[in-house]
Amino acid sequence: MDSTINFGQEINHGPLIRSILISALLGCVGSLINYKTGLTIFLIILLIMLFVYYPSYLPFLYSYWALEAHGITYYDMSSYRSKLKMVFRGKNADHQFISYTEVNSFEVKSENDSYSLMDISTFKNQKQPIFTWLRKPLNLVLHLKNNQITLDASWDQLHDNKNIQARLMNAMSYLDKKIQ
């Protein structure tokens, strides 16, 4: 029986709810000055969070992907439009699927280094900052015939720092067995 290996956090309605709540709170504070000022602050903050902040940092916050029995399930975050759809659809966001037969090779890439299955044991783990804009990349890169897919693992590095190297080794060995 094959097990599923999960990385990242699945998207939920959190970005939409947090955007509305933070905008409403700041709008209420602004409405103490003037009703129009409060409404303007609410709309500006809401639009910035929904259309700038979350689409920019979504890959670091909700980069769920899973190695399953017959392929890899992941969120497609390759375009601004796909990220925006994820923000508004939340838990109903579509997963993409790629079969193991489509994967030619893979590697783990950090900020300055690249690791194959043979040298992943030399991976130098670093603590990730909590702030998304300061996070260093840690990706599993799948090389396909015509393109590549980058799957983020920095969320796991932040939340499970002690085990990230073992988890990446496990994922890479599982992936190696499946693509041969």
N, C-alpha and C. Protein backbone atom coordinates (compact mmCIF):
# COMPACT_ATOMS: atom_id res chain seq x y z
N MET A 1 0.84 -1.19 0.00
CA MET A 1 0.00 0.00 0.00
C MET A 1 0.88 1.24 0.00
N ASP A 2 0.59 2.15 -0.90
CA ASP A 2 1.35 3.39 -1.00
C ASP A 2 0.77 4.43 -0.04
N SER A 3 1.63 5.17 0.57
CA SER A 3 1.18 6.24 1.46
C SER A 3 1.34 7.58 0.75
N THR A 4 0.72 8.59 1.30
CA THR A 4 0.81 9.94 0.75
C THR A 4 1.83 10.74 1.55
N ILE A 5 2.67 11.46 0.87
CA ILE A 5 3.65 12.33 1.51
C ILE A 5 3.22 13.76 1.23
N ASN A 6 2.86 14.51 2.27
CA ASN A 6 2.34 15.87 2.14
C ASN A 6 3.36 16.91 2.54
N PHE A 7 3.33 18.02 1.85
CA PHE A 7 4.13 19.18 2.21
C PHE A 7 3.24 20.42 2.12
N GLY A 8 3.57 21.43 2.89
CA GLY A 8 2.85 22.70 2.82
C GLY A 8 1.52 22.68 3.55
N GLN A 9 0.80 23.75 3.37
CA GLN A 9 -0.50 23.93 4.02
C GLN A 9 -1.55 24.15 2.94
N GLU A 10 -2.68 23.47 3.08
CA GLU A 10 -3.76 23.64 2.10
C GLU A 10 -4.41 25.01 2.28
N ILE A 11 -4.86 25.54 1.17
CA ILE A 11 -5.53 26.84 1.18
C ILE A 11 -6.89 26.70 1.87
N ASN A 12 -7.30 27.75 2.53
CA ASN A 12 -8.64 27.81 3.13
C ASN A 12 -9.19 29.21 2.86
N HIS A 13 -10.23 29.57 3.54
CA HIS A 13 -10.81 30.90 3.32
C HIS A 13 -10.14 31.97 4.18
N GLY A 14 -9.05 31.62 4.84
CA GLY A 14 -8.33 32.54 5.71
C GLY A 14 -7.91 33.84 5.05
N PRO A 15 -7.30 33.80 3.86
CA PRO A 15 -6.89 35.07 3.24
C PRO A 15 -8.06 36.03 2.99
N LEU A 16 -9.17 35.50 2.55
CA LEU A 16 -10.34 36.33 2.29
C LEU A 16 -10.91 36.89 3.60
N ILE A 17 -11.04 36.04 4.60
CA ILE A 17 -11.60 36.47 5.90
C ILE A 17 -10.68 37.47 6.58
N ARG A 18 -9.36 37.17 6.61
CA ARG A 18 -8.42 38.11 7.23
C ARG A 18 -8.40 39.45 6.52
N SER A 19 -8.49 39.44 5.20
CA SER A 19 -8.51 40.70 4.45
C SER A 19 -9.71 41.54 4.83
N ILE A 20 -10.86 40.91 4.93
CA ILE A 20 -12.08 41.65 5.29
C ILE A 20 -11.99 42.16 6.72
N LEU A 21 -11.54 41.31 7.65
CA LEU A 21 -11.47 41.72 9.06
C LEU A 21 -10.47 42.85 9.29
N ILE A 22 -9.28 42.72 8.74
CA ILE A 22 -8.26 43.76 8.93
C ILE A 22 -8.71 45.06 8.27
N SER A 23 -9.30 44.97 7.09
CA SER A 23 -9.80 46.17 6.41
C SER A 23 -10.92 46.83 7.20
N ALA A 24 -11.82 46.00 7.73
CA ALA A 24 -12.94 46.54 8.52
C ALA A 24 -12.44 47.21 9.79
N LEU A 25 -11.46 46.57 10.45
CA LEU A 25 -10.91 47.16 11.67
C LEU A 25 -10.26 48.51 11.39
N LEU A 26 -9.43 48.55 10.37
CA LEU A 26 -8.77 49.82 10.03
C LEU A 26 -9.77 50.84 9.50
N GLY A 27 -10.79 50.37 8.80
CA GLY A 27 -11.85 51.27 8.33
C GLY A 27 -12.64 51.87 9.48
N CYS A 28 -12.90 51.06 10.52
CA CYS A 28 -13.60 51.57 11.70
C CYS A 28 -12.77 52.64 12.41
N VAL A 29 -11.46 52.39 12.51
CA VAL A 29 -10.58 53.38 13.12
C VAL A 29 -10.59 54.66 12.28
N GLY A 30 -10.55 54.51 10.96
CA GLY A 30 -10.60 55.67 10.07
C GLY A 30 -11.93 56.40 10.12
N SER A 31 -13.01 55.65 10.40
CA SER A 31 -14.33 56.30 10.45
C SER A 31 -14.49 57.17 11.69
N LEU A 32 -13.59 57.04 12.67
CA LEU A 32 -13.61 57.94 13.81
C LEU A 32 -13.28 59.36 13.37
N ILE A 33 -12.49 59.47 12.32
CA ILE A 33 -12.14 60.77 11.76
C ILE A 33 -13.30 61.28 10.91
N ASN A 34 -13.73 60.43 9.99
CA ASN A 34 -14.77 60.82 9.04
C ASN A 34 -15.31 59.54 8.40
N TYR A 35 -16.59 59.50 8.11
CA TYR A 35 -17.22 58.31 7.52
C TYR A 35 -16.59 57.98 6.17
N LYS A 36 -16.38 58.97 5.34
CA LYS A 36 -15.80 58.74 4.01
C LYS A 36 -14.35 58.26 4.12
N THR A 37 -13.63 58.80 5.07
CA THR A 37 -12.25 58.37 5.29
C THR A 37 -12.21 56.90 5.69
N GLY A 38 -13.09 56.51 6.58
CA GLY A 38 -13.16 55.11 7.02
C GLY A 38 -13.49 54.17 5.88
N LEU A 39 -14.44 54.56 5.06
CA LEU A 39 -14.83 53.74 3.91
C LEU A 39 -13.69 53.65 2.90
N THR A 40 -13.00 54.75 2.68
CA THR A 40 -11.88 54.78 1.75
C THR A 40 -10.74 53.88 2.25
N ILE A 41 -10.42 53.98 3.54
CA ILE A 41 -9.38 53.13 4.13
C ILE A 41 -9.75 51.67 4.01
N PHE A 42 -11.02 51.34 4.32
CA PHE A 42 -11.49 49.96 4.22
C PHE A 42 -11.27 49.42 2.80
N LEU A 43 -11.70 50.17 1.79
CA LEU A 43 -11.59 49.70 0.41
C LEU A 43 -10.14 49.59 -0.05
N ILE A 44 -9.33 50.56 0.30
CA ILE A 44 -7.92 50.54 -0.13
C ILE A 44 -7.20 49.35 0.49
N ILE A 45 -7.35 49.16 1.80
CA ILE A 45 -6.68 48.05 2.48
C ILE A 45 -7.19 46.71 1.94
N LEU A 46 -8.49 46.59 1.74
CA LEU A 46 -9.07 45.35 1.21
C LEU A 46 -8.51 45.03 -0.17
N LEU A 47 -8.47 46.01 -1.04
CA LEU A 47 -7.95 45.78 -2.39
C LEU A 47 -6.47 45.45 -2.39
N ILE A 48 -5.70 46.12 -1.54
CA ILE A 48 -4.27 45.83 -1.47
C ILE A 48 -4.04 44.41 -0.97
N MET A 49 -4.77 44.00 0.06
CA MET A 49 -4.58 42.65 0.60
C MET A 49 -5.03 41.57 -0.38
N LEU A 50 -6.18 41.78 -1.00
CA LEU A 50 -6.72 40.75 -1.91
C LEU A 50 -6.01 40.69 -3.26
N PHE A 51 -5.57 41.83 -3.77
CA PHE A 51 -5.02 41.85 -5.12
C PHE A 51 -3.51 42.05 -5.19
N VAL A 52 -2.85 42.35 -4.06
CA VAL A 52 -1.39 42.52 -4.07
C VAL A 52 -0.73 41.56 -3.07
N TYR A 53 -1.06 41.69 -1.79
CA TYR A 53 -0.35 40.92 -0.76
C TYR A 53 -0.54 39.41 -0.93
N TYR A 54 -1.78 38.94 -0.91
CA TYR A 54 -1.99 37.49 -0.96
C TYR A 54 -1.54 36.86 -2.28
N PRO A 55 -1.82 37.44 -3.44
CA PRO A 55 -1.28 36.81 -4.65
C PRO A 55 0.26 36.77 -4.68
N SER A 56 0.90 37.76 -4.06
CA SER A 56 2.37 37.78 -4.05
C SER A 56 2.96 36.72 -3.12
N TYR A 57 2.35 36.52 -1.97
CA TYR A 57 2.93 35.64 -0.96
C TYR A 57 2.21 34.31 -0.80
N LEU A 58 1.23 34.02 -1.64
CA LEU A 58 0.48 32.78 -1.56
C LEU A 58 1.37 31.53 -1.66
N PRO A 59 2.37 31.50 -2.54
CA PRO A 59 3.22 30.30 -2.60
C PRO A 59 3.95 30.00 -1.30
N PHE A 60 4.27 31.01 -0.51
CA PHE A 60 4.94 30.78 0.76
C PHE A 60 3.95 30.39 1.87
N LEU A 61 2.72 30.84 1.75
CA LEU A 61 1.72 30.61 2.80
C LEU A 61 0.94 29.32 2.60
N TYR A 62 0.58 29.01 1.37
CA TYR A 62 -0.27 27.85 1.08
C TYR A 62 0.29 27.07 -0.10
N SER A 63 1.41 26.46 0.09
CA SER A 63 2.05 25.74 -1.01
C SER A 63 1.87 24.23 -0.86
N TYR A 64 0.66 23.80 -0.67
CA TYR A 64 0.38 22.38 -0.46
C TYR A 64 0.70 21.56 -1.72
N TRP A 65 1.37 20.44 -1.51
CA TRP A 65 1.58 19.45 -2.56
C TRP A 65 1.74 18.09 -1.92
N ALA A 66 1.41 17.06 -2.66
CA ALA A 66 1.44 15.70 -2.11
C ALA A 66 1.93 14.71 -3.15
N LEU A 67 2.77 13.79 -2.69
CA LEU A 67 3.18 12.66 -3.52
C LEU A 67 2.22 11.53 -3.19
N GLU A 68 1.43 11.14 -4.17
CA GLU A 68 0.41 10.12 -3.97
C GLU A 68 0.76 8.86 -4.74
N ALA A 69 -0.13 7.90 -4.73
CA ALA A 69 0.14 6.59 -5.35
C ALA A 69 0.43 6.70 -6.85
N HIS A 70 -0.30 7.53 -7.58
CA HIS A 70 -0.16 7.56 -9.04
C HIS A 70 0.38 8.86 -9.59
N GLY A 71 0.65 9.82 -8.72
CA GLY A 71 1.17 11.09 -9.21
C GLY A 71 1.29 12.13 -8.12
N ILE A 72 1.49 13.34 -8.55
CA ILE A 72 1.72 14.46 -7.64
C ILE A 72 0.57 15.45 -7.76
N THR A 73 0.00 15.80 -6.62
CA THR A 73 -1.07 16.79 -6.56
C THR A 73 -0.48 18.08 -6.01
N TYR A 74 -0.79 19.20 -6.64
CA TYR A 74 -0.24 20.48 -6.20
C TYR A 74 -1.16 21.61 -6.63
N TYR A 75 -0.93 22.78 -6.06
CA TYR A 75 -1.64 23.98 -6.48
C TYR A 75 -0.85 24.65 -7.60
N ASP A 76 -1.54 25.01 -8.66
CA ASP A 76 -0.90 25.73 -9.74
C ASP A 76 -0.85 27.21 -9.36
N MET A 77 0.34 27.72 -9.13
CA MET A 77 0.52 29.13 -8.79
C MET A 77 1.43 29.79 -9.80
N SER A 78 1.31 29.37 -11.05
CA SER A 78 2.21 29.86 -12.08
C SER A 78 1.82 31.23 -12.62
N SER A 79 0.58 31.66 -12.38
CA SER A 79 0.16 32.96 -12.90
C SER A 79 -0.59 33.74 -11.82
N TYR A 80 -0.64 35.04 -12.03
CA TYR A 80 -1.37 35.91 -11.11
C TYR A 80 -2.84 35.51 -11.04
N ARG A 81 -3.41 35.19 -12.18
CA ARG A 81 -4.82 34.80 -12.24
C ARG A 81 -5.11 33.54 -11.43
N SER A 82 -4.24 32.55 -11.52
CA SER A 82 -4.46 31.31 -10.76
C SER A 82 -4.34 31.56 -9.25
N LYS A 83 -3.43 32.44 -8.85
CA LYS A 83 -3.32 32.78 -7.43
C LYS A 83 -4.55 33.53 -6.94
N LEU A 84 -5.04 34.44 -7.75
CA LEU A 84 -6.23 35.21 -7.40
C LEU A 84 -7.45 34.29 -7.25
N LYS A 85 -7.58 33.33 -8.15
CA LYS A 85 -8.67 32.36 -8.04
C LYS A 85 -8.56 31.57 -6.74
N MET A 86 -7.37 31.22 -6.35
CA MET A 86 -7.18 30.48 -5.09
C MET A 86 -7.61 31.31 -3.89
N VAL A 87 -7.28 32.60 -3.88
CA VAL A 87 -7.65 33.48 -2.77
C VAL A 87 -9.17 33.52 -2.62
N PHE A 88 -9.89 33.63 -3.72
CA PHE A 88 -11.34 33.76 -3.65
C PHE A 88 -12.07 32.42 -3.50
N ARG A 89 -11.49 31.35 -4.01
CA ARG A 89 -12.16 30.05 -3.91
C ARG A 89 -11.83 29.31 -2.62
N GLY A 90 -10.72 29.62 -1.98
CA GLY A 90 -10.37 29.00 -0.70
C GLY A 90 -10.30 27.49 -0.79
N LYS A 91 -11.04 26.81 0.07
CA LYS A 91 -11.00 25.35 0.11
C LYS A 91 -11.48 24.70 -1.18
N ASN A 92 -12.18 25.45 -2.00
CA ASN A 92 -12.68 24.91 -3.27
C ASN A 92 -11.70 25.08 -4.42
N ALA A 93 -10.49 25.54 -4.12
CA ALA A 93 -9.48 25.75 -5.16
C ALA A 93 -9.11 24.41 -5.79
N ASP A 94 -8.88 24.45 -7.08
CA ASP A 94 -8.55 23.23 -7.82
C ASP A 94 -7.10 22.82 -7.60
N HIS A 95 -6.91 21.51 -7.46
CA HIS A 95 -5.56 20.94 -7.42
C HIS A 95 -5.20 20.52 -8.84
N GLN A 96 -3.94 20.61 -9.15
CA GLN A 96 -3.42 20.09 -10.42
C GLN A 96 -2.82 18.72 -10.14
N PHE A 97 -2.79 17.89 -11.15
CA PHE A 97 -2.25 16.54 -10.99
C PHE A 97 -1.26 16.27 -12.12
N ILE A 98 -0.15 15.68 -11.76
CA ILE A 98 0.83 15.28 -12.76
C ILE A 98 1.23 13.83 -12.46
N SER A 99 1.24 13.03 -13.48
CA SER A 99 1.60 11.61 -13.33
C SER A 99 3.12 11.49 -13.21
N TYR A 100 3.54 10.45 -12.52
CA TYR A 100 4.98 10.22 -12.37
C TYR A 100 5.65 9.94 -13.71
N THR A 101 4.90 9.44 -14.68
CA THR A 101 5.48 9.15 -15.99
C THR A 101 5.91 10.42 -16.73
N GLU A 102 5.36 11.56 -16.35
CA GLU A 102 5.71 12.82 -17.00
C GLU A 102 6.98 13.46 -16.42
N VAL A 103 7.44 12.97 -15.28
CA VAL A 103 8.61 13.55 -14.61
C VAL A 103 9.87 12.88 -15.14
N ASN A 104 10.79 13.67 -15.69
CA ASN A 104 12.07 13.15 -16.18
C ASN A 104 13.11 13.08 -15.08
N SER A 105 13.20 14.15 -14.30
CA SER A 105 14.16 14.20 -13.20
C SER A 105 13.67 15.21 -12.17
N PHE A 106 14.38 15.29 -11.06
CA PHE A 106 13.99 16.20 -9.99
C PHE A 106 15.22 16.57 -9.18
N GLU A 107 15.09 17.67 -8.43
CA GLU A 107 16.15 18.11 -7.55
C GLU A 107 15.56 19.04 -6.50
N VAL A 108 16.26 19.18 -5.40
CA VAL A 108 15.89 20.14 -4.38
C VAL A 108 16.80 21.35 -4.53
N LYS A 109 16.20 22.52 -4.58
CA LYS A 109 16.98 23.75 -4.71
C LYS A 109 16.73 24.63 -3.50
N SER A 110 17.82 25.08 -2.91
CA SER A 110 17.74 26.09 -1.86
C SER A 110 18.22 27.39 -2.45
N GLU A 111 18.50 28.35 -1.62
CA GLU A 111 18.88 29.67 -2.12
C GLU A 111 20.12 29.62 -3.02
N ASN A 112 21.15 28.89 -2.61
CA ASN A 112 22.40 28.87 -3.37
C ASN A 112 22.80 27.51 -3.88
N ASP A 113 22.12 26.45 -3.44
CA ASP A 113 22.56 25.10 -3.75
C ASP A 113 21.46 24.28 -4.41
N SER A 114 21.92 23.21 -5.06
CA SER A 114 21.02 22.27 -5.69
C SER A 114 21.42 20.87 -5.23
N TYR A 115 20.43 20.05 -4.89
CA TYR A 115 20.70 18.73 -4.33
C TYR A 115 19.94 17.66 -5.11
N SER A 116 20.66 16.58 -5.43
CA SER A 116 20.02 15.41 -6.04
C SER A 116 19.77 14.39 -4.93
N LEU A 117 19.22 13.26 -5.30
CA LEU A 117 18.98 12.21 -4.32
C LEU A 117 20.28 11.73 -3.69
N MET A 118 21.34 11.73 -4.46
CA MET A 118 22.63 11.23 -3.97
C MET A 118 23.28 12.16 -2.94
N ASP A 119 23.04 13.47 -3.04
CA ASP A 119 23.73 14.38 -2.13
C ASP A 119 22.78 15.19 -1.23
N ILE A 120 21.53 14.77 -1.12
CA ILE A 120 20.60 15.49 -0.24
C ILE A 120 21.02 15.38 1.23
N SER A 121 21.80 14.38 1.56
CA SER A 121 22.28 14.25 2.95
C SER A 121 23.24 15.37 3.33
N THR A 122 23.77 16.10 2.35
CA THR A 122 24.65 17.23 2.64
C THR A 122 23.88 18.54 2.75
N PHE A 123 22.57 18.46 2.69
CA PHE A 123 21.71 19.65 2.79
C PHE A 123 21.98 20.39 4.10
N LYS A 124 22.22 21.69 4.00
CA LYS A 124 22.49 22.52 5.18
C LYS A 124 21.19 23.22 5.56
N ASN A 125 20.56 22.74 6.60
CA ASN A 125 19.27 23.29 7.02
C ASN A 125 19.47 24.64 7.70
N GLN A 126 18.58 25.56 7.38
CA GLN A 126 18.61 26.88 7.99
C GLN A 126 17.23 27.17 8.57
N LYS A 127 17.21 27.98 9.59
CA LYS A 127 15.94 28.41 10.15
C LYS A 127 15.31 29.43 9.21
N GLN A 128 14.02 29.27 8.98
CA GLN A 128 13.30 30.21 8.12
C GLN A 128 12.69 31.31 8.98
N PRO A 129 12.73 32.56 8.51
CA PRO A 129 12.05 33.63 9.24
C PRO A 129 10.53 33.49 9.15
N ILE A 130 9.83 33.98 10.14
CA ILE A 130 8.37 33.91 10.16
C ILE A 130 7.78 34.78 9.07
N PHE A 131 8.40 35.92 8.80
CA PHE A 131 7.88 36.85 7.80
C PHE A 131 8.08 36.28 6.40
N THR A 132 6.99 36.20 5.64
CA THR A 132 7.04 35.55 4.33
C THR A 132 7.98 36.24 3.35
N TRP A 133 8.07 37.55 3.42
CA TRP A 133 8.90 38.28 2.47
C TRP A 133 10.39 38.09 2.74
N LEU A 134 10.75 37.50 3.88
CA LEU A 134 12.15 37.24 4.19
C LEU A 134 12.56 35.78 3.98
N ARG A 135 11.61 34.92 3.66
CA ARG A 135 11.90 33.49 3.52
C ARG A 135 12.82 33.21 2.35
N LYS A 136 13.72 32.28 2.60
CA LYS A 136 14.62 31.83 1.56
C LYS A 136 13.97 30.64 0.84
N PRO A 137 14.19 30.51 -0.44
CA PRO A 137 13.55 29.43 -1.18
C PRO A 137 14.07 28.05 -0.80
N LEU A 138 13.17 27.10 -0.75
CA LEU A 138 13.50 25.68 -0.62
C LEU A 138 12.44 24.96 -1.44
N ASN A 139 12.86 24.46 -2.60
CA ASN A 139 11.91 23.93 -3.56
C ASN A 139 12.32 22.55 -4.05
N LEU A 140 11.31 21.73 -4.32
CA LEU A 140 11.51 20.50 -5.07
C LEU A 140 11.15 20.86 -6.51
N VAL A 141 12.12 20.75 -7.39
CA VAL A 141 11.91 21.13 -8.79
C VAL A 141 11.76 19.85 -9.60
N LEU A 142 10.62 19.73 -10.28
CA LEU A 142 10.35 18.59 -11.14
C LEU A 142 10.64 19.00 -12.58
N HIS A 143 11.53 18.30 -13.23
CA HIS A 143 11.86 18.59 -14.62
C HIS A 143 11.02 17.68 -15.50
N LEU A 144 10.18 18.30 -16.31
CA LEU A 144 9.33 17.57 -17.24
C LEU A 144 9.95 17.65 -18.63
N LYS A 145 9.27 17.13 -19.60
CA LYS A 145 9.81 17.13 -20.96
C LYS A 145 10.00 18.55 -21.50
N ASN A 146 8.98 19.41 -21.34
CA ASN A 146 9.04 20.75 -21.92
C ASN A 146 9.15 21.88 -20.92
N ASN A 147 8.95 21.60 -19.65
CA ASN A 147 9.01 22.67 -18.65
C ASN A 147 9.39 22.08 -17.30
N GLN A 148 9.22 22.88 -16.28
CA GLN A 148 9.49 22.40 -14.92
C GLN A 148 8.44 22.93 -13.98
N ILE A 149 8.23 22.20 -12.90
CA ILE A 149 7.27 22.59 -11.87
C ILE A 149 8.06 22.75 -10.58
N THR A 150 7.85 23.87 -9.90
CA THR A 150 8.53 24.15 -8.65
C THR A 150 7.55 24.01 -7.50
N LEU A 151 7.87 23.10 -6.58
CA LEU A 151 7.02 22.85 -5.42
C LEU A 151 7.75 23.36 -4.18
N ASP A 152 7.13 24.28 -3.47
CA ASP A 152 7.76 24.95 -2.34
C ASP A 152 7.73 24.09 -1.08
N ALA A 153 8.83 24.07 -0.35
CA ALA A 153 8.91 23.35 0.92
C ALA A 153 9.33 24.27 2.06
N SER A 154 9.36 25.57 1.83
CA SER A 154 9.82 26.51 2.87
C SER A 154 8.86 26.57 4.05
N TRP A 155 7.56 26.35 3.81
CA TRP A 155 6.59 26.34 4.92
C TRP A 155 6.92 25.21 5.88
N ASP A 156 7.26 24.05 5.34
CA ASP A 156 7.63 22.91 6.19
C ASP A 156 8.97 23.15 6.88
N GLN A 157 9.86 23.83 6.22
CA GLN A 157 11.14 24.15 6.85
C GLN A 157 10.94 25.07 8.04
N LEU A 158 9.98 25.97 7.95
CA LEU A 158 9.67 26.88 9.05
C LEU A 158 8.99 26.13 10.19
N HIS A 159 8.01 25.28 9.87
CA HIS A 159 7.18 24.66 10.90
C HIS A 159 7.68 23.30 11.39
N ASP A 160 8.59 22.67 10.66
CA ASP A 160 9.13 21.36 11.06
C ASP A 160 10.62 21.33 10.76
N ASN A 161 11.34 22.30 11.29
CA ASN A 161 12.74 22.51 10.95
C ASN A 161 13.62 21.31 11.27
N LYS A 162 13.34 20.62 12.35
CA LYS A 162 14.21 19.50 12.76
C LYS A 162 14.11 18.32 11.81
N ASN A 163 12.96 18.15 11.16
CA ASN A 163 12.75 16.97 10.34
C ASN A 163 12.74 17.23 8.83
N ILE A 164 13.00 18.45 8.41
CA ILE A 164 12.85 18.78 6.99
C ILE A 164 13.83 18.00 6.12
N GLN A 165 15.04 17.79 6.58
CA GLN A 165 15.99 17.05 5.76
C GLN A 165 15.54 15.60 5.59
N ALA A 166 15.08 14.97 6.65
CA ALA A 166 14.60 13.59 6.57
C ALA A 166 13.35 13.51 5.69
N ARG A 167 12.47 14.49 5.80
CA ARG A 167 11.26 14.49 4.98
C ARG A 167 11.59 14.66 3.50
N LEU A 168 12.55 15.53 3.20
CA LEU A 168 12.96 15.71 1.80
C LEU A 168 13.64 14.46 1.26
N MET A 169 14.46 13.83 2.07
CA MET A 169 15.10 12.58 1.65
C MET A 169 14.05 11.50 1.37
N ASN A 170 13.05 11.41 2.24
CA ASN A 170 11.97 10.45 2.07
C ASN A 170 11.19 10.74 0.79
N ALA A 171 10.86 12.00 0.56
CA ALA A 171 10.11 12.38 -0.64
C ALA A 171 10.93 12.10 -1.90
N MET A 172 12.21 12.40 -1.87
CA MET A 172 13.04 12.18 -3.05
C MET A 172 13.22 10.69 -3.35
N SER A 173 13.40 9.86 -2.32
CA SER A 173 13.54 8.43 -2.56
C SER A 173 12.23 7.84 -3.07
N TYR A 174 11.09 8.31 -2.53
CA TYR A 174 9.78 7.87 -3.00
C TYR A 174 9.59 8.26 -4.47
N LEU A 175 9.94 9.49 -4.79
CA LEU A 175 9.82 9.99 -6.15
C LEU A 175 10.74 9.22 -7.10
N ASP A 176 11.94 8.90 -6.64
CA ASP A 176 12.89 8.14 -7.46
C ASP A 176 12.32 6.75 -7.80
N LYS A 177 11.71 6.10 -6.83
CA LYS A 177 11.10 4.77 -7.08
C LYS A 177 9.96 4.87 -8.07
N LYS A 178 9.20 5.94 -7.99
CA LYS A 178 8.01 6.08 -8.83
C LYS A 178 8.32 6.44 -10.27
N ILE A 179 9.39 7.20 -10.51
CA ILE A 179 9.66 7.62 -11.89
C ILE A 179 10.53 6.64 -12.66
N GLN A 180 11.04 5.63 -12.02
CA GLN A 180 11.89 4.65 -12.74
C GLN A 180 11.05 3.62 -13.45
